[in-house]
Amino acid sequence: MNVTAKEAPDELLTPEQVCEMLGGITTKTLTLWNNAHRHRKILAPIRFTHKHVRYERKNVLAFIERCRSEY
């Protein structure tokens, strides 16, 4: 697997980018999930200030994988 700099696992993503990765949810839903979702520790936002929040790509991908339904 060839990972480019744009897709590096330690890349920091904006909340808007994360919302898009999670299927087009709103930032309000993302904030709710950060506070109340059962897997919120996996998502683990990095807060620089109360308005400047970033997410690590590897954590978002792990969150998606953990939340997949198994049938």
Protein backbone atom coordinates (compact mmCIF):
# COMPACT_ATOMS: atom_id res chain seq x y z
CA MET A 1 0.00 0.00 0.00
CA ASN A 2 1.45 3.31 -1.06
CA VAL A 3 0.50 6.16 1.30
CA THR A 4 0.97 9.66 -0.05
CA ALA A 5 1.65 12.68 2.13
CA LYS A 6 -1.96 13.74 1.59
CA GLU A 7 -3.21 10.46 3.10
CA ALA A 8 -0.65 10.00 5.87
CA PRO A 9 -2.14 8.21 8.90
CA ASP A 10 -0.91 10.94 11.26
CA GLU A 11 -2.45 13.71 9.16
CA LEU A 12 -4.59 16.15 11.13
CA LEU A 13 -8.10 16.67 9.78
CA THR A 14 -10.57 19.49 10.32
CA PRO A 15 -14.00 18.68 11.75
CA GLU A 16 -15.50 19.32 8.30
CA GLN A 17 -13.17 16.73 6.72
CA VAL A 18 -14.07 14.22 9.42
CA CYS A 19 -17.80 14.83 8.86
CA GLU A 20 -17.31 14.08 5.18
CA MET A 21 -15.40 10.87 5.97
CA LEU A 22 -18.18 9.77 8.33
CA GLY A 23 -20.76 9.92 5.59
CA GLY A 24 -21.74 13.57 5.53
CA ILE A 25 -22.82 14.04 9.14
CA THR A 26 -23.09 17.56 10.53
CA THR A 27 -20.51 19.15 12.81
CA LYS A 28 -23.22 19.22 15.48
CA THR A 29 -23.52 15.43 15.28
CA LEU A 30 -19.72 15.10 15.41
CA THR A 31 -19.65 17.22 18.57
CA LEU A 32 -22.37 15.05 20.10
CA TRP A 33 -20.41 11.90 19.26
CA ASN A 34 -17.28 13.43 20.86
CA ASN A 35 -19.23 13.81 24.10
CA ALA A 36 -21.60 10.86 24.21
CA HIS A 37 -20.72 8.10 21.71
CA ARG A 38 -19.65 4.79 23.23
CA HIS A 39 -16.45 4.81 21.11
CA ARG A 40 -15.60 8.49 21.69
CA LYS A 41 -12.18 7.61 23.12
CA ILE A 42 -11.15 6.20 19.75
CA LEU A 43 -12.12 9.39 17.92
CA ALA A 44 -10.14 11.49 20.44
CA PRO A 45 -10.09 15.05 19.07
CA ILE A 46 -7.02 17.20 19.60
CA ARG A 47 -8.03 20.60 20.98
CA PHE A 48 -5.63 23.47 20.47
CA THR A 49 -8.26 25.99 21.62
CA HIS A 50 -12.03 25.71 22.07
CA LYS A 51 -12.45 26.70 18.40
CA HIS A 52 -9.41 24.99 16.90
CA VAL A 53 -9.99 21.21 16.89
CA ARG A 54 -8.28 18.57 14.74
CA TYR A 55 -8.56 14.80 14.41
CA GLU A 56 -5.89 12.28 13.48
CA ARG A 57 -6.78 10.38 10.31
CA LYS A 58 -5.77 7.04 11.90
CA ASN A 59 -8.20 7.64 14.79
CA VAL A 60 -11.06 8.49 12.42
CA LEU A 61 -10.40 5.33 10.39
CA ALA A 62 -10.26 3.25 13.59
CA PHE A 63 -13.56 4.82 14.73
CA ILE A 64 -15.20 3.93 11.42
CA GLU A 65 -13.93 0.36 11.62
CA ARG A 66 -15.03 -0.05 15.23
CA CYS A 67 -18.53 1.25 14.49
CA ARG A 68 -19.21 -0.96 11.47
CA SER A 69 -22.15 -3.26 11.94
CA GLU A 70 -21.45 -6.95 11.64
CA TYR A 71 -24.13 -9.11 10.15
